Amino acid sequence: MEGLFALPMRFAPRWPWENFWGAGSLMALLLVPWPLAFLTVPHLGRVYASADPLSLVLAVVFGAGWGCGGIFFGLGVAYLGLSLGTSIIMGLIAIGGSVVPLLLAHNTQISVPVGAGLLAGIILMLTGLTVCARAGNLKHRDPDEQARPRQFGRGLMYCLAAGILSALVNFALVFGAPIAQPAIASGVDPATANNAVWAIVFTVNYVVNIGYCLFRAARSGSLRKFRTDSTPRYWALALLMGMLWAGGIVAYGRGASLEGPLGPVFGFPIMLITSILTGNAAGAVCGEWKNQPASARTTMRWGITVMVLAVVTLGYVNYRIR
């Protein structure tokens, strides 16, 4: 789901980036976090009243950082395309969102086989990421791309910012976990209780995205396109984007909770590598690599192969410790 949520943007050409990204963020905010939290976590108000204040603050801070990362994510994909942009961003998110929480919250695991297995998987992912970036560089050397010589460099900077900031979503889950403890104590299963955490994190994230998109649309004059160029189809596509974006994170959080204390550490990179593979498949189907140099396509295939090896490595290590 995370590898596909930016795909609907390709089918709304009359809306600028800020219009579609803002509409998709609005749909995700209205339809996923709070309805899900109210329906699945009993006495939600009491849960927040009993929660650790520091955890609430950290959830807000990391949610804001994730929101800024989401803005750069959209810009990076707009510049580099779904395949390459998703590969770079998701790879960086996985490194920051898994290794750093392991060091901060489970540092005793670094010197044992669990930590070594995680680092091996991350190294494989970083190698695959480097290969994918090389493929993108070859792709943008194509003569047809020379009219925009700075596009790759600017897009790469956006992707780097997105990768660093978006990793904070996993920090929000790891360090915001005490928020869910009152719900767990009342009998709610841990995977469902995380919806209380996501409601806060998602709200801050999407408010940041919507606010930036409204600012940019007002400055560019594209706000009027919501009136002049809006169609039910465009809003349906924005709805699909919002559901995929938020739904993928919720599904990940539930799965990570079921994997035990190290679930977020191992589950996060697996989810993101899967997103990379899905995004590349979608980009290929949409013709992003059509008529590109054979060297670029071959290099991208090698990068994807290494990413698959990383998934296998991380999955095996996670299986062995369960």
Foldseek 3Di string as FASTA:
>chain_A
DQLCLLVLVVVQVLAPLLVLLLLLLVLLLPPPQPVLLPVQFPPLVVLQVPFDPVLLVLLLVLLLLLLLLVVLLSVLCVLQNSQLLLLLQLLLLLCQLFVVCCCVPVVVCCPDVLVVLLVVLNVLSVVLNVLSLVLSVQQCVPPVNVVPVCSSVVSNVSSNSSNNSNSSVSVSQLSNLRSLVVRVVVPRQSLSSCSSSCSSSSVSSSVSSNVVSVVVCVVVVSPCCCVVVDDPVSSVSSNSSSCCNNVLVSVLSSQLSVLPPSSSNLSSSLSSLVSSVSSNVSRVVVPVCPPGDPVSVVSNVVSNVSSVVSNVSSVVSSVVVD
